[in-house]
Amino acid sequence: MLADVGEILVSLRSRLGLDIEEAAQRAHLDAERLAEAEAGEIALGESELRELADAYGVAVTALFGGKTTPLSYLAGA
């Protein structure tokens, strides 16, 4: 689950032509934390996901393939 979300995060960021620093700044996140999420190493919290989705111009569900935020993701699985 973490790796799948990470791939989606990279794809969305790349589509906008942003590097990690720019994306993190837009979403009010730490760049290292965003990089870890993109690598599938950590799960982001709900507020971080909302900020990132807003920065990318998508619904939060887009980060999960159109599904609501799975509890397993929030639990870091």
C-alpha atoms as a PDB file:
ATOM      1  CA  MET A   1       0.000   0.000   0.000  1.00  0.00           C
ATOM      2  CA  LEU A   2       2.746   2.517   0.918  1.00  0.00           C
ATOM      3  CA  ALA A   3       4.673   1.822  -2.287  1.00  0.00           C
ATOM      4  CA  ASP A   4       1.523   2.209  -4.404  1.00  0.00           C
ATOM      5  CA  VAL A   5       0.709   5.574  -2.872  1.00  0.00           C
ATOM      6  CA  GLY A   6       4.341   6.608  -3.260  1.00  0.00           C
ATOM      7  CA  GLU A   7       4.203   5.888  -6.988  1.00  0.00           C
ATOM      8  CA  ILE A   8       1.035   7.951  -7.333  1.00  0.00           C
ATOM      9  CA  LEU A   9       2.653  10.836  -5.441  1.00  0.00           C
ATOM     10  CA  VAL A  10       5.676  10.778  -7.751  1.00  0.00           C
ATOM     11  CA  SER A  11       3.436  10.628 -10.818  1.00  0.00           C
ATOM     12  CA  LEU A  12       1.290  13.582  -9.732  1.00  0.00           C
ATOM     13  CA  ARG A  13       4.319  15.670  -8.797  1.00  0.00           C
ATOM     14  CA  SER A  14       6.062  14.859 -12.065  1.00  0.00           C
ATOM     15  CA  ARG A  15       2.981  15.766 -14.107  1.00  0.00           C
ATOM     16  CA  LEU A  16       3.140  19.233 -12.599  1.00  0.00           C
ATOM     17  CA  GLY A  17       6.861  19.523 -13.307  1.00  0.00           C
ATOM     18  CA  LEU A  18       7.732  20.022  -9.644  1.00  0.00           C
ATOM     19  CA  ASP A  19      10.790  18.820  -7.792  1.00  0.00           C
ATOM     20  CA  ILE A  20      10.532  17.532  -4.221  1.00  0.00           C
ATOM     21  CA  GLU A  21      11.386  20.912  -2.687  1.00  0.00           C
ATOM     22  CA  GLU A  22       8.775  22.783  -4.742  1.00  0.00           C
ATOM     23  CA  ALA A  23       6.055  20.228  -4.038  1.00  0.00           C
ATOM     24  CA  ALA A  24       6.829  20.177  -0.326  1.00  0.00           C
ATOM     25  CA  GLN A  25       6.747  23.962  -0.166  1.00  0.00           C
ATOM     26  CA  ARG A  26       3.369  24.113  -1.934  1.00  0.00           C
ATOM     27  CA  ALA A  27       1.941  21.502   0.441  1.00  0.00           C
ATOM     28  CA  HIS A  28       3.557  22.967   3.567  1.00  0.00           C
ATOM     29  CA  LEU A  29       5.434  19.701   4.167  1.00  0.00           C
ATOM     30  CA  ASP A  30       9.014  18.854   5.010  1.00  0.00           C
ATOM     31  CA  ALA A  31      10.793  17.831   1.791  1.00  0.00           C
ATOM     32  CA  GLU A  32      12.483  14.864   3.466  1.00  0.00           C
ATOM     33  CA  ARG A  33       9.129  13.597   4.726  1.00  0.00           C
ATOM     34  CA  LEU A  34       7.624  13.891   1.238  1.00  0.00           C
ATOM     35  CA  ALA A  35      10.589  12.034  -0.241  1.00  0.00           C
ATOM     36  CA  GLU A  36      10.114   9.230   2.291  1.00  0.00           C
ATOM     37  CA  ALA A  37       6.403   9.010   1.438  1.00  0.00           C
ATOM     38  CA  GLU A  38       7.187   8.874  -2.283  1.00  0.00           C
ATOM     39  CA  ALA A  39       9.686   6.077  -1.611  1.00  0.00           C
ATOM     40  CA  GLY A  40       6.984   4.123   0.234  1.00  0.00           C
ATOM     41  CA  GLU A  41       8.870   4.317   3.514  1.00  0.00           C
ATOM     42  CA  ILE A  42       6.293   6.222   5.577  1.00  0.00           C
ATOM     43  CA  ALA A  43       2.587   7.049   5.605  1.00  0.00           C
ATOM     44  CA  LEU A  44       1.497  10.666   5.658  1.00  0.00           C
ATOM     45  CA  GLY A  45      -1.197  11.855   8.060  1.00  0.00           C
ATOM     46  CA  GLU A  46      -4.658  12.901   6.912  1.00  0.00           C
ATOM     47  CA  SER A  47      -3.912  16.626   7.101  1.00  0.00           C
ATOM     48  CA  GLU A  48      -0.688  16.135   5.129  1.00  0.00           C
ATOM     49  CA  LEU A  49      -2.581  14.178   2.480  1.00  0.00           C
ATOM     50  CA  ARG A  50      -5.172  16.964   2.193  1.00  0.00           C
ATOM     51  CA  GLU A  51      -2.456  19.604   1.818  1.00  0.00           C
ATOM     52  CA  LEU A  52      -0.658  17.543  -0.816  1.00  0.00           C
ATOM     53  CA  ALA A  53      -3.853  16.839  -2.760  1.00  0.00           C
ATOM     54  CA  ASP A  54      -4.673  20.553  -2.726  1.00  0.00           C
ATOM     55  CA  ALA A  55      -1.172  21.411  -3.923  1.00  0.00           C
ATOM     56  CA  TYR A  56      -1.534  18.915  -6.788  1.00  0.00           C
ATOM     57  CA  GLY A  57      -5.062  20.023  -7.643  1.00  0.00           C
ATOM     58  CA  VAL A  58      -6.655  16.619  -7.035  1.00  0.00           C
ATOM     59  CA  ALA A  59      -9.017  15.055  -4.531  1.00  0.00           C
ATOM     60  CA  VAL A  60      -7.458  13.058  -1.703  1.00  0.00           C
ATOM     61  CA  THR A  61      -9.086   9.963  -3.193  1.00  0.00           C
ATOM     62  CA  ALA A  62      -6.835  10.367  -6.253  1.00  0.00           C
ATOM     63  CA  LEU A  63      -3.877   9.493  -4.022  1.00  0.00           C
ATOM     64  CA  PHE A  64      -5.468   6.091  -3.439  1.00  0.00           C
ATOM     65  CA  GLY A  65      -6.665   5.226  -6.921  1.00  0.00           C
ATOM     66  CA  GLY A  66     -10.063   6.858  -6.417  1.00  0.00           C
ATOM     67  CA  LYS A  67     -10.821   5.177  -3.091  1.00  0.00           C
ATOM     68  CA  THR A  68     -11.280   6.802   0.294  1.00  0.00           C
ATOM     69  CA  THR A  69      -8.175   6.881   2.468  1.00  0.00           C
ATOM     70  CA  PRO A  70      -7.674   3.272   3.566  1.00  0.00           C
ATOM     71  CA  LEU A  71      -7.222   2.709   7.288  1.00  0.00           C
ATOM     72  CA  SER A  72      -4.307   0.380   6.503  1.00  0.00           C
ATOM     73  CA  TYR A  73      -2.443   3.307   4.898  1.00  0.00           C
ATOM     74  CA  LEU A  74      -3.010   5.583   7.871  1.00  0.00           C
ATOM     75  CA  ALA A  75      -1.762   2.773  10.102  1.00  0.00           C
ATOM     76  CA  GLY A  76       1.431   2.681   8.019  1.00  0.00           C
ATOM     77  CA  ALA A  77       0.892  -0.754   6.495  1.00  0.00           C
END
